[in-house]
Amino acid sequence: MAQSQELAELIRLHRKVAKLSRVQLAELAEVGKTVIYNIEHGKESVQLDTLQKILNVLNIKIVLTSPLMEDLQNTENEKG
């Protein structure tokens, strides 16, 4: 499954569990209601600040990982 589709499903699920309509979520996040629709339908281009507003309202956190970060963390753990 494409990452944009996974994100779309995650946002849709959290919105529904929170019992929010797309319009309500848009108002709380201070974004346009079309943005919510587009994200939930897997649109791949969305501004990061807009996405962050939506995720904050839904209490969804982004965790970034990479092989380089994992190697650094492993090295620090071995020293520790």
C-alpha atoms as a PDB file:
ATOM      1  CA  MET A   1       0.000   0.000   0.000  1.00  0.00           C
ATOM      2  CA  ALA A   2       1.310   3.450  -0.892  1.00  0.00           C
ATOM      3  CA  GLN A   3       2.328   5.676   1.989  1.00  0.00           C
ATOM      4  CA  SER A   4      -0.154   8.365   0.983  1.00  0.00           C
ATOM      5  CA  GLN A   5      -2.955   5.783   1.146  1.00  0.00           C
ATOM      6  CA  GLU A   6      -1.796   4.575   4.581  1.00  0.00           C
ATOM      7  CA  LEU A   7      -1.791   8.150   5.830  1.00  0.00           C
ATOM      8  CA  ALA A   8      -5.220   8.726   4.293  1.00  0.00           C
ATOM      9  CA  GLU A   9      -6.664   5.726   6.124  1.00  0.00           C
ATOM     10  CA  LEU A  10      -4.982   6.708   9.398  1.00  0.00           C
ATOM     11  CA  ILE A  11      -6.406  10.227   9.263  1.00  0.00           C
ATOM     12  CA  ARG A  12      -9.861   9.009   8.236  1.00  0.00           C
ATOM     13  CA  LEU A  13      -9.916   6.446  11.067  1.00  0.00           C
ATOM     14  CA  HIS A  14      -8.848   8.969  13.707  1.00  0.00           C
ATOM     15  CA  ARG A  15     -11.344  11.533  12.433  1.00  0.00           C
ATOM     16  CA  LYS A  16     -14.202   9.045  12.593  1.00  0.00           C
ATOM     17  CA  VAL A  17     -13.242   7.758  16.046  1.00  0.00           C
ATOM     18  CA  ALA A  18     -13.158  11.385  17.207  1.00  0.00           C
ATOM     19  CA  LYS A  19     -16.663  11.739  15.714  1.00  0.00           C
ATOM     20  CA  LEU A  20     -15.590  14.690  13.600  1.00  0.00           C
ATOM     21  CA  SER A  21     -16.924  15.527  10.173  1.00  0.00           C
ATOM     22  CA  ARG A  22     -14.454  16.660   7.540  1.00  0.00           C
ATOM     23  CA  VAL A  23     -15.767  20.202   7.972  1.00  0.00           C
ATOM     24  CA  GLN A  24     -15.287  20.073  11.761  1.00  0.00           C
ATOM     25  CA  LEU A  25     -11.732  18.744  11.401  1.00  0.00           C
ATOM     26  CA  ALA A  26     -10.951  21.427   8.840  1.00  0.00           C
ATOM     27  CA  GLU A  27     -12.257  24.130  11.184  1.00  0.00           C
ATOM     28  CA  LEU A  28     -10.276  22.799  14.166  1.00  0.00           C
ATOM     29  CA  ALA A  29      -7.099  22.539  12.079  1.00  0.00           C
ATOM     30  CA  GLU A  30      -7.755  25.902  10.405  1.00  0.00           C
ATOM     31  CA  VAL A  31      -7.478  24.434   6.906  1.00  0.00           C
ATOM     32  CA  GLY A  32      -9.901  24.188   4.017  1.00  0.00           C
ATOM     33  CA  LYS A  33     -12.423  21.342   4.017  1.00  0.00           C
ATOM     34  CA  THR A  34     -11.214  20.324   0.547  1.00  0.00           C
ATOM     35  CA  VAL A  35      -7.780  19.615   2.033  1.00  0.00           C
ATOM     36  CA  ILE A  36      -9.252  16.995   4.364  1.00  0.00           C
ATOM     37  CA  TYR A  37     -11.138  15.365   1.493  1.00  0.00           C
ATOM     38  CA  ASN A  38      -8.026  15.339  -0.709  1.00  0.00           C
ATOM     39  CA  ILE A  39      -5.817  13.832   1.994  1.00  0.00           C
ATOM     40  CA  GLU A  40      -8.388  11.157   2.842  1.00  0.00           C
ATOM     41  CA  HIS A  41      -8.538  10.230  -0.831  1.00  0.00           C
ATOM     42  CA  GLY A  42      -4.774   9.785  -1.104  1.00  0.00           C
ATOM     43  CA  LYS A  43      -3.764  12.997  -2.826  1.00  0.00           C
ATOM     44  CA  GLU A  44       0.005  12.933  -2.733  1.00  0.00           C
ATOM     45  CA  SER A  45       0.749  16.654  -2.692  1.00  0.00           C
ATOM     46  CA  VAL A  46      -0.055  18.489   0.513  1.00  0.00           C
ATOM     47  CA  GLN A  47       1.914  21.180   2.301  1.00  0.00           C
ATOM     48  CA  LEU A  48       3.766  19.929   5.359  1.00  0.00           C
ATOM     49  CA  ASP A  49       2.467  22.698   7.621  1.00  0.00           C
ATOM     50  CA  THR A  50      -1.112  21.865   6.596  1.00  0.00           C
ATOM     51  CA  LEU A  51      -0.563  18.182   7.329  1.00  0.00           C
ATOM     52  CA  GLN A  52       0.982  19.035  10.707  1.00  0.00           C
ATOM     53  CA  LYS A  53      -2.085  21.084  11.686  1.00  0.00           C
ATOM     54  CA  ILE A  54      -4.380  18.154  10.887  1.00  0.00           C
ATOM     55  CA  LEU A  55      -2.200  15.610  12.677  1.00  0.00           C
ATOM     56  CA  ASN A  56      -1.976  17.855  15.751  1.00  0.00           C
ATOM     57  CA  VAL A  57      -5.764  18.090  15.998  1.00  0.00           C
ATOM     58  CA  LEU A  58      -6.028  14.288  15.753  1.00  0.00           C
ATOM     59  CA  ASN A  59      -3.128  13.784  18.213  1.00  0.00           C
ATOM     60  CA  ILE A  60      -1.099  11.823  15.651  1.00  0.00           C
ATOM     61  CA  LYS A  61       2.678  12.069  15.976  1.00  0.00           C
ATOM     62  CA  ILE A  62       5.207  11.614  13.168  1.00  0.00           C
ATOM     63  CA  VAL A  63       8.341   9.638  13.965  1.00  0.00           C
ATOM     64  CA  LEU A  64      11.208   9.887  11.513  1.00  0.00           C
ATOM     65  CA  THR A  65      13.680   7.064  11.146  1.00  0.00           C
ATOM     66  CA  SER A  66      16.523   6.271   8.798  1.00  0.00           C
ATOM     67  CA  PRO A  67      19.337   3.728   8.631  1.00  0.00           C
ATOM     68  CA  LEU A  68      21.806   6.479   9.532  1.00  0.00           C
ATOM     69  CA  MET A  69      19.814   7.450  12.626  1.00  0.00           C
ATOM     70  CA  GLU A  70      19.516   3.782  13.634  1.00  0.00           C
ATOM     71  CA  ASP A  71      23.281   3.267  13.253  1.00  0.00           C
ATOM     72  CA  LEU A  72      23.980   6.353  15.361  1.00  0.00           C
ATOM     73  CA  GLN A  73      21.575   5.187  18.058  1.00  0.00           C
ATOM     74  CA  ASN A  74      23.134   1.701  18.095  1.00  0.00           C
ATOM     75  CA  THR A  75      26.605   3.214  18.439  1.00  0.00           C
ATOM     76  CA  GLU A  76      25.450   5.391  21.339  1.00  0.00           C
ATOM     77  CA  ASN A  77      23.811   2.366  23.030  1.00  0.00           C
ATOM     78  CA  GLU A  78      27.022   0.362  22.739  1.00  0.00           C
ATOM     79  CA  LYS A  79      28.976   3.190  24.399  1.00  0.00           C
ATOM     80  CA  GLY A  80      26.352   3.650  27.104  1.00  0.00           C
END
